[in-house]
């Protein structure tokens, strides 16, 4: 991402699969990290070998849920979508 923000990476095949399944591209999902009210939590259910995180952030009129990890200084997006549970977490934590 430009303007001195974090750098992102992802698997292109996984991006295509998530676009088909959830209607969200990883390119769009990276904008959740720019929301000043974003919520980032550790993904305890999937952090066995590598620490994973979930970012809840406002993107294009809705709350985006983005699963990610750190890889060599970059944020690697693993999955993204818009789910009611993510909106609930965002609303609860932002106040």
N, C-alpha and C. Protein backbone atom coordinates (compact mmCIF):
# COMPACT_ATOMS: atom_id res chain seq x y z
N UNK A 1 0.85 -1.18 0.00
CA UNK A 1 0.00 0.00 0.00
C UNK A 1 0.89 1.23 0.00
N UNK A 2 0.52 2.20 -0.74
CA UNK A 2 1.33 3.40 -0.89
C UNK A 2 1.25 4.30 0.34
N UNK A 3 1.94 5.42 0.27
CA UNK A 3 1.92 6.46 1.30
C UNK A 3 2.53 6.01 2.62
N UNK A 4 3.54 5.20 2.58
CA UNK A 4 4.23 4.81 3.79
C UNK A 4 3.48 3.82 4.66
N UNK A 5 2.37 3.30 4.19
CA UNK A 5 1.59 2.32 4.95
C UNK A 5 2.25 0.95 4.86
N UNK A 6 1.62 -0.03 5.47
CA UNK A 6 2.18 -1.38 5.45
C UNK A 6 2.19 -1.96 4.04
N UNK A 7 3.05 -2.94 3.83
CA UNK A 7 3.09 -3.66 2.56
C UNK A 7 2.28 -4.95 2.72
N UNK A 8 1.57 -5.31 1.68
CA UNK A 8 0.71 -6.49 1.72
C UNK A 8 1.13 -7.48 0.66
N UNK A 9 0.83 -8.73 0.93
CA UNK A 9 1.03 -9.80 -0.05
C UNK A 9 -0.07 -10.83 0.15
N UNK A 10 -0.27 -11.67 -0.85
CA UNK A 10 -1.25 -12.74 -0.76
C UNK A 10 -1.03 -13.72 -1.88
N UNK A 11 -1.64 -14.87 -1.74
CA UNK A 11 -1.61 -15.91 -2.75
C UNK A 11 -2.71 -15.58 -3.77
N UNK A 12 -2.34 -15.47 -5.04
CA UNK A 12 -3.29 -15.08 -6.08
C UNK A 12 -4.44 -16.09 -6.23
N UNK A 13 -4.14 -17.38 -6.10
CA UNK A 13 -5.20 -18.39 -6.22
C UNK A 13 -6.20 -18.27 -5.07
N UNK A 14 -5.70 -18.02 -3.88
CA UNK A 14 -6.58 -17.83 -2.71
C UNK A 14 -7.41 -16.56 -2.88
N UNK A 15 -6.82 -15.51 -3.42
CA UNK A 15 -7.55 -14.28 -3.68
C UNK A 15 -8.72 -14.55 -4.63
N UNK A 16 -8.45 -15.25 -5.72
CA UNK A 16 -9.52 -15.58 -6.68
C UNK A 16 -10.61 -16.41 -6.01
N UNK A 17 -10.21 -17.37 -5.19
CA UNK A 17 -11.19 -18.22 -4.51
C UNK A 17 -12.06 -17.40 -3.55
N UNK A 18 -11.45 -16.49 -2.80
CA UNK A 18 -12.22 -15.66 -1.86
C UNK A 18 -13.13 -14.68 -2.61
N UNK A 19 -12.67 -14.17 -3.76
CA UNK A 19 -13.54 -13.29 -4.55
C UNK A 19 -14.78 -14.04 -5.01
N UNK A 20 -14.59 -15.29 -5.41
CA UNK A 20 -15.72 -16.09 -5.85
C UNK A 20 -16.63 -16.45 -4.68
N UNK A 21 -16.04 -16.87 -3.58
CA UNK A 21 -16.81 -17.35 -2.43
C UNK A 21 -17.44 -16.22 -1.61
N UNK A 22 -16.69 -15.14 -1.36
CA UNK A 22 -17.14 -14.08 -0.45
C UNK A 22 -17.37 -12.73 -1.13
N UNK A 23 -16.99 -12.61 -2.41
CA UNK A 23 -17.20 -11.36 -3.12
C UNK A 23 -16.26 -10.24 -2.73
N UNK A 24 -15.10 -10.60 -2.16
CA UNK A 24 -14.14 -9.61 -1.68
C UNK A 24 -12.76 -9.92 -2.23
N UNK A 25 -12.13 -8.93 -2.85
CA UNK A 25 -10.75 -9.11 -3.30
C UNK A 25 -9.79 -8.76 -2.17
N UNK A 26 -8.64 -9.36 -2.16
CA UNK A 26 -7.64 -9.04 -1.15
C UNK A 26 -7.11 -7.62 -1.35
N UNK A 27 -7.12 -7.15 -2.58
CA UNK A 27 -6.70 -5.77 -2.84
C UNK A 27 -7.63 -4.79 -2.10
N UNK A 28 -8.92 -5.06 -2.13
CA UNK A 28 -9.88 -4.23 -1.39
C UNK A 28 -9.74 -4.45 0.11
N UNK A 29 -9.54 -5.70 0.51
CA UNK A 29 -9.47 -6.05 1.94
C UNK A 29 -8.34 -5.33 2.67
N UNK A 30 -7.26 -5.04 2.00
CA UNK A 30 -6.13 -4.39 2.67
C UNK A 30 -6.52 -3.02 3.24
N UNK A 31 -7.58 -2.41 2.72
CA UNK A 31 -8.01 -1.09 3.19
C UNK A 31 -8.60 -1.14 4.60
N UNK A 32 -8.97 -2.32 5.08
CA UNK A 32 -9.47 -2.45 6.46
C UNK A 32 -8.41 -1.99 7.46
N UNK A 33 -7.15 -2.18 7.12
CA UNK A 33 -6.05 -1.81 8.01
C UNK A 33 -5.87 -0.29 8.11
N UNK A 34 -6.46 0.46 7.19
CA UNK A 34 -6.33 1.92 7.19
C UNK A 34 -7.41 2.60 8.02
N UNK A 35 -8.43 1.87 8.40
CA UNK A 35 -9.51 2.44 9.21
C UNK A 35 -8.94 2.84 10.57
N UNK A 36 -9.02 4.11 10.96
CA UNK A 36 -8.47 4.52 12.26
C UNK A 36 -9.16 3.85 13.45
N UNK A 37 -10.35 3.31 13.24
CA UNK A 37 -11.08 2.63 14.32
C UNK A 37 -11.01 1.11 14.18
N UNK A 38 -10.11 0.64 13.34
CA UNK A 38 -10.00 -0.81 13.12
C UNK A 38 -9.74 -1.53 14.45
N UNK A 39 -10.10 -2.80 14.46
CA UNK A 39 -9.84 -3.65 15.61
C UNK A 39 -9.02 -4.82 15.10
N UNK A 40 -7.87 -5.07 15.73
CA UNK A 40 -7.04 -6.21 15.35
C UNK A 40 -6.88 -7.10 16.57
N UNK A 41 -7.22 -8.37 16.41
CA UNK A 41 -7.12 -9.35 17.50
C UNK A 41 -6.35 -10.57 17.01
N UNK A 42 -5.77 -11.27 17.94
CA UNK A 42 -5.06 -12.51 17.59
C UNK A 42 -6.09 -13.58 17.29
N UNK A 43 -5.87 -14.34 16.25
CA UNK A 43 -6.75 -15.43 15.85
C UNK A 43 -6.30 -16.69 16.58
N UNK A 44 -6.81 -16.86 17.78
CA UNK A 44 -6.37 -17.97 18.63
C UNK A 44 -6.76 -19.33 18.07
N UNK A 45 -7.83 -19.39 17.32
CA UNK A 45 -8.27 -20.65 16.74
C UNK A 45 -7.40 -21.16 15.60
N UNK A 46 -6.59 -20.28 15.03
CA UNK A 46 -5.77 -20.68 13.87
C UNK A 46 -4.30 -20.33 14.04
N UNK A 47 -3.86 -20.03 15.25
CA UNK A 47 -2.47 -19.61 15.47
C UNK A 47 -1.65 -20.74 16.07
N UNK A 48 -1.61 -21.86 15.42
CA UNK A 48 -0.88 -23.00 15.96
C UNK A 48 0.63 -22.89 15.69
N UNK A 49 0.99 -22.85 14.42
CA UNK A 49 2.41 -22.80 14.06
C UNK A 49 2.88 -21.37 13.79
N UNK A 50 1.98 -20.54 13.29
CA UNK A 50 2.29 -19.16 12.94
C UNK A 50 1.22 -18.27 13.57
N UNK A 51 1.63 -17.14 14.14
CA UNK A 51 0.66 -16.21 14.71
C UNK A 51 -0.21 -15.63 13.61
N UNK A 52 -1.52 -15.73 13.80
CA UNK A 52 -2.47 -15.16 12.85
C UNK A 52 -3.31 -14.12 13.55
N UNK A 53 -3.81 -13.18 12.77
CA UNK A 53 -4.58 -12.07 13.31
C UNK A 53 -5.83 -11.85 12.48
N UNK A 54 -6.81 -11.19 13.08
CA UNK A 54 -8.02 -10.80 12.38
C UNK A 54 -8.17 -9.30 12.54
N UNK A 55 -8.34 -8.61 11.43
CA UNK A 55 -8.57 -7.17 11.42
C UNK A 55 -10.02 -6.92 11.02
N UNK A 56 -10.71 -6.12 11.82
CA UNK A 56 -12.06 -5.69 11.49
C UNK A 56 -11.98 -4.20 11.18
N UNK A 57 -12.32 -3.81 9.97
CA UNK A 57 -12.22 -2.41 9.59
C UNK A 57 -13.27 -2.02 8.58
N UNK A 58 -13.62 -0.74 8.57
CA UNK A 58 -14.65 -0.20 7.68
C UNK A 58 -14.08 -0.02 6.28
N UNK A 59 -14.72 -0.67 5.29
CA UNK A 59 -14.31 -0.59 3.89
C UNK A 59 -15.56 -0.54 3.01
N UNK A 60 -15.62 0.44 2.15
CA UNK A 60 -16.71 0.53 1.16
C UNK A 60 -18.10 0.39 1.79
N UNK A 61 -18.35 1.05 2.90
CA UNK A 61 -19.68 1.07 3.50
C UNK A 61 -20.03 -0.11 4.37
N UNK A 62 -19.05 -0.94 4.72
CA UNK A 62 -19.32 -2.09 5.58
C UNK A 62 -18.07 -2.50 6.35
N UNK A 63 -18.27 -3.39 7.31
CA UNK A 63 -17.15 -3.88 8.11
C UNK A 63 -16.56 -5.11 7.44
N UNK A 64 -15.29 -5.02 7.12
CA UNK A 64 -14.56 -6.11 6.49
C UNK A 64 -13.81 -6.89 7.57
N UNK A 65 -13.81 -8.20 7.46
CA UNK A 65 -13.06 -9.09 8.34
C UNK A 65 -11.90 -9.65 7.52
N UNK A 66 -10.66 -9.39 7.96
CA UNK A 66 -9.49 -9.81 7.19
C UNK A 66 -8.59 -10.67 8.08
N UNK A 67 -8.35 -11.90 7.67
CA UNK A 67 -7.45 -12.80 8.39
C UNK A 67 -6.06 -12.65 7.77
N UNK A 68 -5.03 -12.55 8.64
CA UNK A 68 -3.68 -12.29 8.12
C UNK A 68 -2.61 -12.83 9.06
N UNK A 69 -1.39 -12.75 8.58
CA UNK A 69 -0.21 -13.07 9.37
C UNK A 69 0.91 -12.14 8.91
N UNK A 70 2.02 -12.14 9.64
CA UNK A 70 3.20 -11.38 9.23
C UNK A 70 4.15 -12.31 8.51
N UNK A 71 4.70 -11.87 7.39
CA UNK A 71 5.71 -12.65 6.67
C UNK A 71 6.77 -11.69 6.15
N UNK A 72 7.98 -11.82 6.69
CA UNK A 72 9.13 -11.03 6.26
C UNK A 72 8.80 -9.53 6.19
N UNK A 73 8.15 -9.02 7.22
CA UNK A 73 7.85 -7.60 7.30
C UNK A 73 6.61 -7.15 6.55
N UNK A 74 5.93 -8.07 5.90
CA UNK A 74 4.70 -7.75 5.16
C UNK A 74 3.49 -8.36 5.86
N UNK A 75 2.34 -7.75 5.65
CA UNK A 75 1.09 -8.35 6.10
C UNK A 75 0.63 -9.27 4.99
N UNK A 76 0.53 -10.56 5.31
CA UNK A 76 0.07 -11.54 4.31
C UNK A 76 -1.40 -11.83 4.57
N UNK A 77 -2.24 -11.43 3.64
CA UNK A 77 -3.68 -11.66 3.77
C UNK A 77 -3.97 -13.12 3.44
N UNK A 78 -4.72 -13.75 4.33
CA UNK A 78 -5.06 -15.17 4.19
C UNK A 78 -6.50 -15.35 3.75
N UNK A 79 -7.37 -14.44 4.19
CA UNK A 79 -8.78 -14.54 3.83
C UNK A 79 -9.49 -13.25 4.18
N UNK A 80 -10.63 -13.00 3.51
CA UNK A 80 -11.38 -11.77 3.78
C UNK A 80 -12.83 -11.95 3.39
N UNK A 81 -13.67 -11.21 4.08
CA UNK A 81 -15.10 -11.21 3.78
C UNK A 81 -15.82 -10.25 4.69
N UNK A 82 -17.11 -10.15 4.51
CA UNK A 82 -17.95 -9.30 5.37
C UNK A 82 -18.95 -10.23 6.06
N UNK A 83 -18.83 -10.33 7.38
CA UNK A 83 -19.69 -11.21 8.16
C UNK A 83 -20.29 -10.45 9.32
N UNK A 84 -21.49 -10.85 9.74
CA UNK A 84 -22.17 -10.20 10.87
C UNK A 84 -21.35 -10.24 12.14
N UNK A 85 -20.67 -11.35 12.38
CA UNK A 85 -19.85 -11.47 13.60
C UNK A 85 -18.76 -10.39 13.62
N UNK A 86 -18.13 -10.15 12.49
CA UNK A 86 -17.09 -9.13 12.41
C UNK A 86 -17.65 -7.75 12.69
N UNK A 87 -18.83 -7.48 12.17
CA UNK A 87 -19.47 -6.18 12.42
C UNK A 87 -19.75 -6.01 13.91
N UNK A 88 -20.19 -7.09 14.56
CA UNK A 88 -20.46 -7.03 15.99
C UNK A 88 -19.21 -6.73 16.80
N UNK A 89 -18.11 -7.38 16.47
CA UNK A 89 -16.84 -7.13 17.17
C UNK A 89 -16.40 -5.68 16.96
N UNK A 90 -16.49 -5.21 15.73
CA UNK A 90 -16.10 -3.85 15.40
C UNK A 90 -16.92 -2.83 16.19
N UNK A 91 -18.23 -3.00 16.19
CA UNK A 91 -19.12 -2.07 16.89
C UNK A 91 -18.85 -2.07 18.39
N UNK A 92 -18.61 -3.24 18.95
CA UNK A 92 -18.37 -3.37 20.39
C UNK A 92 -17.06 -2.70 20.80
N UNK A 93 -16.00 -2.86 20.01
CA UNK A 93 -14.66 -2.40 20.38
C UNK A 93 -14.37 -0.95 20.02
N UNK A 94 -15.07 -0.39 19.03
CA UNK A 94 -14.71 0.94 18.54
C UNK A 94 -15.08 2.06 19.51
N UNK A 95 -16.01 1.82 20.41
CA UNK A 95 -16.44 2.88 21.33
C UNK A 95 -15.55 3.04 22.53
